[in-house]
Amino acid sequence: MATIEECRAALDKLSDSMQHAEGNVRAAAAMDRSVSCHITDLDMTFAGRLTGGRIEVRDTLPGPPREKAQIRLAMKGDDLVALVDGDLHFARAWGAGRVRLEAGLRDLFHLRKLL
C-alpha cells in the first residue's frame, strides 16, 4: 500500500508533467479549478487548485473531502502512483471503477485531454 508521502510525491510528479506539457494538454492544464483527491485506502484527502498549469496541494486532510471541489478524484494510493508512473491507464482504471472522477461537463471535456 502506497504511503501518504508516496501519494504526495505522485501528485507533485503529475503537476510537474502538466507544467511541461505542450499543445492541447497544456491548454487543458491551464484551467483554474479547485481540486480534491481522496486516497480511499488511507482515508486522506489532498485539496488544492489546478492553476497555472500545475496542481497546488494546499491541504492534506484526514477523511473524505470537506468541501466539494470543482474536480474530484478518488482512488487507492497504489492506483494513483501507478497512474502517474504510466503503469495504469486512466480510462481502463475509470472503467473498472478503480478511479472516480467527478466534475462539471465543461471541465470533463477539458480534462479528457489530460487523461
C-alpha atoms as a PDB file:
ATOM      1  CA  MET A   1       0.000   0.000   0.000  1.00  0.00           C
ATOM      2  CA  ALA A   2       1.339   3.402  -1.005  1.00  0.00           C
ATOM      3  CA  THR A   3       2.106   5.819   1.824  1.00  0.00           C
ATOM      4  CA  ILE A   4       0.804   9.355   2.118  1.00  0.00           C
ATOM      5  CA  GLU A   5       4.293  10.600   1.188  1.00  0.00           C
ATOM      6  CA  GLU A   6       4.337   8.470  -1.967  1.00  0.00           C
ATOM      7  CA  CYS A   7       0.904   9.783  -2.930  1.00  0.00           C
ATOM      8  CA  ARG A   8       2.022  13.376  -2.395  1.00  0.00           C
ATOM      9  CA  ALA A   9       5.144  12.714  -4.477  1.00  0.00           C
ATOM     10  CA  ALA A  10       2.949  11.254  -7.250  1.00  0.00           C
ATOM     11  CA  LEU A  11       0.775  14.392  -7.274  1.00  0.00           C
ATOM     12  CA  ASP A  12       3.915  16.553  -7.420  1.00  0.00           C
ATOM     13  CA  LYS A  13       5.226  14.461 -10.328  1.00  0.00           C
ATOM     14  CA  LEU A  14       1.884  14.796 -12.137  1.00  0.00           C
ATOM     15  CA  SER A  15       1.952  18.540 -11.556  1.00  0.00           C
ATOM     16  CA  ASP A  16       5.484  18.799 -12.977  1.00  0.00           C
ATOM     17  CA  SER A  17       4.457  16.784 -16.047  1.00  0.00           C
ATOM     18  CA  MET A  18       1.432  19.001 -16.629  1.00  0.00           C
ATOM     19  CA  GLN A  19       3.509  22.152 -16.381  1.00  0.00           C
ATOM     20  CA  HIS A  20       5.898  20.929 -19.074  1.00  0.00           C
ATOM     21  CA  ALA A  21       3.191  19.614 -21.414  1.00  0.00           C
ATOM     22  CA  GLU A  22       2.556  21.114 -24.827  1.00  0.00           C
ATOM     23  CA  GLY A  23      -0.393  21.671 -27.158  1.00  0.00           C
ATOM     24  CA  ASN A  24      -3.870  20.518 -26.103  1.00  0.00           C
ATOM     25  CA  VAL A  25      -2.617  19.032 -22.847  1.00  0.00           C
ATOM     26  CA  ARG A  26      -1.055  22.332 -21.827  1.00  0.00           C
ATOM     27  CA  ALA A  27      -4.250  24.202 -22.698  1.00  0.00           C
ATOM     28  CA  ALA A  28      -6.328  21.775 -20.612  1.00  0.00           C
ATOM     29  CA  ALA A  29      -3.932  22.087 -17.672  1.00  0.00           C
ATOM     30  CA  ALA A  30      -4.286  25.878 -17.772  1.00  0.00           C
ATOM     31  CA  MET A  31      -7.747  25.708 -16.169  1.00  0.00           C
ATOM     32  CA  ASP A  32      -8.293  27.353 -12.785  1.00  0.00           C
ATOM     33  CA  ARG A  33     -10.344  24.950 -10.652  1.00  0.00           C
ATOM     34  CA  SER A  34     -10.495  23.653  -7.106  1.00  0.00           C
ATOM     35  CA  VAL A  35      -9.340  20.029  -6.877  1.00  0.00           C
ATOM     36  CA  SER A  36      -9.552  17.231  -4.344  1.00  0.00           C
ATOM     37  CA  CYS A  37      -8.019  13.772  -4.457  1.00  0.00           C
ATOM     38  CA  HIS A  38      -9.316  11.336  -1.844  1.00  0.00           C
ATOM     39  CA  ILE A  39      -6.990   8.405  -1.237  1.00  0.00           C
ATOM     40  CA  THR A  40      -9.558   5.848  -0.158  1.00  0.00           C
ATOM     41  CA  ASP A  41      -7.320   3.197   1.401  1.00  0.00           C
ATOM     42  CA  LEU A  42      -5.533   5.796   3.542  1.00  0.00           C
ATOM     43  CA  ASP A  43      -8.724   7.839   4.096  1.00  0.00           C
ATOM     44  CA  MET A  44      -6.814  11.042   3.369  1.00  0.00           C
ATOM     45  CA  THR A  45      -7.649  13.899   1.019  1.00  0.00           C
ATOM     46  CA  PHE A  46      -5.333  16.241  -0.831  1.00  0.00           C
ATOM     47  CA  ALA A  47      -7.122  19.517  -1.508  1.00  0.00           C
ATOM     48  CA  GLY A  48      -5.915  22.415  -3.617  1.00  0.00           C
ATOM     49  CA  ARG A  49      -6.184  24.090  -7.013  1.00  0.00           C
ATOM     50  CA  LEU A  50      -5.390  23.347 -10.599  1.00  0.00           C
ATOM     51  CA  THR A  51      -3.967  26.684 -11.673  1.00  0.00           C
ATOM     52  CA  GLY A  52      -1.189  27.971 -13.892  1.00  0.00           C
ATOM     53  CA  GLY A  53      -0.734  24.531 -15.395  1.00  0.00           C
ATOM     54  CA  ARG A  54       0.040  22.960 -12.002  1.00  0.00           C
ATOM     55  CA  ILE A  55      -1.720  21.225  -9.173  1.00  0.00           C
ATOM     56  CA  GLU A  56      -1.100  23.203  -5.992  1.00  0.00           C
ATOM     57  CA  VAL A  57      -1.847  20.991  -2.984  1.00  0.00           C
ATOM     58  CA  ARG A  58      -2.798  23.331  -0.152  1.00  0.00           C
ATOM     59  CA  ASP A  59      -4.078  20.880   2.468  1.00  0.00           C
ATOM     60  CA  THR A  60      -3.755  17.243   3.389  1.00  0.00           C
ATOM     61  CA  LEU A  61      -6.772  16.313   5.473  1.00  0.00           C
ATOM     62  CA  PRO A  62      -7.961  13.117   7.146  1.00  0.00           C
ATOM     63  CA  GLY A  63     -11.154  11.605   5.792  1.00  0.00           C
ATOM     64  CA  PRO A  64     -13.140  12.430   2.679  1.00  0.00           C
ATOM     65  CA  PRO A  65     -13.132  15.941   1.178  1.00  0.00           C
ATOM     66  CA  ARG A  66     -14.670  18.521   3.489  1.00  0.00           C
ATOM     67  CA  GLU A  67     -15.765  20.786   0.654  1.00  0.00           C
ATOM     68  CA  LYS A  68     -16.989  19.928  -2.819  1.00  0.00           C
ATOM     69  CA  ALA A  69     -14.160  20.764  -5.208  1.00  0.00           C
ATOM     70  CA  GLN A  70     -14.880  21.527  -8.853  1.00  0.00           C
ATOM     71  CA  ILE A  71     -12.769  18.498  -9.849  1.00  0.00           C
ATOM     72  CA  ARG A  72     -12.932  15.489  -7.533  1.00  0.00           C
ATOM     73  CA  LEU A  73     -10.855  12.320  -7.758  1.00  0.00           C
ATOM     74  CA  ALA A  74     -10.985   9.248  -5.531  1.00  0.00           C
ATOM     75  CA  MET A  75      -8.779   6.146  -5.734  1.00  0.00           C
ATOM     76  CA  LYS A  76      -6.410   3.921  -3.790  1.00  0.00           C
ATOM     77  CA  GLY A  77      -2.896   5.201  -3.239  1.00  0.00           C
ATOM     78  CA  ASP A  78      -1.320   2.399  -5.290  1.00  0.00           C
ATOM     79  CA  ASP A  79      -3.559   3.328  -8.224  1.00  0.00           C
ATOM     80  CA  LEU A  80      -2.532   6.998  -8.014  1.00  0.00           C
ATOM     81  CA  VAL A  81       1.154   6.050  -8.066  1.00  0.00           C
ATOM     82  CA  ALA A  82       0.594   3.593 -10.954  1.00  0.00           C
ATOM     83  CA  LEU A  83      -1.358   6.184 -12.974  1.00  0.00           C
ATOM     84  CA  VAL A  84       1.337   8.815 -12.620  1.00  0.00           C
ATOM     85  CA  ASP A  85       4.126   6.317 -13.364  1.00  0.00           C
ATOM     86  CA  GLY A  86       2.325   5.208 -16.522  1.00  0.00           C
ATOM     87  CA  ASP A  87       1.696   1.666 -15.282  1.00  0.00           C
ATOM     88  CA  LEU A  88      -2.097   2.109 -15.179  1.00  0.00           C
ATOM     89  CA  HIS A  89      -4.173   3.624 -17.994  1.00  0.00           C
ATOM     90  CA  PHE A  90      -6.712   6.159 -16.715  1.00  0.00           C
ATOM     91  CA  ALA A  91      -9.607   5.122 -18.971  1.00  0.00           C
ATOM     92  CA  ARG A  92      -9.231   1.436 -18.055  1.00  0.00           C
ATOM     93  CA  ALA A  93      -8.963   2.258 -14.344  1.00  0.00           C
ATOM     94  CA  TRP A  94     -12.015   4.531 -14.549  1.00  0.00           C
ATOM     95  CA  GLY A  95     -13.981   1.934 -16.498  1.00  0.00           C
ATOM     96  CA  ALA A  96     -13.130  -0.736 -13.914  1.00  0.00           C
ATOM     97  CA  GLY A  97     -14.227   1.532 -11.058  1.00  0.00           C
ATOM     98  CA  ARG A  98     -10.724   1.867  -9.632  1.00  0.00           C
ATOM     99  CA  VAL A  99     -10.762   5.632 -10.155  1.00  0.00           C
ATOM    100  CA  ARG A 100     -13.682   8.008  -9.642  1.00  0.00           C
ATOM    101  CA  LEU A 101     -13.700  11.380 -11.355  1.00  0.00           C
ATOM    102  CA  GLU A 102     -16.441  13.924 -10.778  1.00  0.00           C
ATOM    103  CA  ALA A 103     -16.579  17.344 -12.400  1.00  0.00           C
ATOM    104  CA  GLY A 104     -18.861  19.553 -14.411  1.00  0.00           C
ATOM    105  CA  LEU A 105     -19.458  18.643 -18.044  1.00  0.00           C
ATOM    106  CA  ARG A 106     -17.328  21.516 -19.330  1.00  0.00           C
ATOM    107  CA  ASP A 107     -14.444  20.553 -17.048  1.00  0.00           C
ATOM    108  CA  LEU A 108     -14.718  16.889 -18.073  1.00  0.00           C
ATOM    109  CA  PHE A 109     -14.443  17.966 -21.706  1.00  0.00           C
ATOM    110  CA  HIS A 110     -11.166  19.772 -20.956  1.00  0.00           C
ATOM    111  CA  LEU A 111      -9.856  17.044 -18.655  1.00  0.00           C
ATOM    112  CA  ARG A 112     -10.187  14.336 -21.292  1.00  0.00           C
ATOM    113  CA  LYS A 113      -7.153  15.920 -22.981  1.00  0.00           C
ATOM    114  CA  LEU A 114      -5.132  15.468 -19.795  1.00  0.00           C
ATOM    115  CA  LEU A 115      -6.240  11.937 -19.055  1.00  0.00           C
END
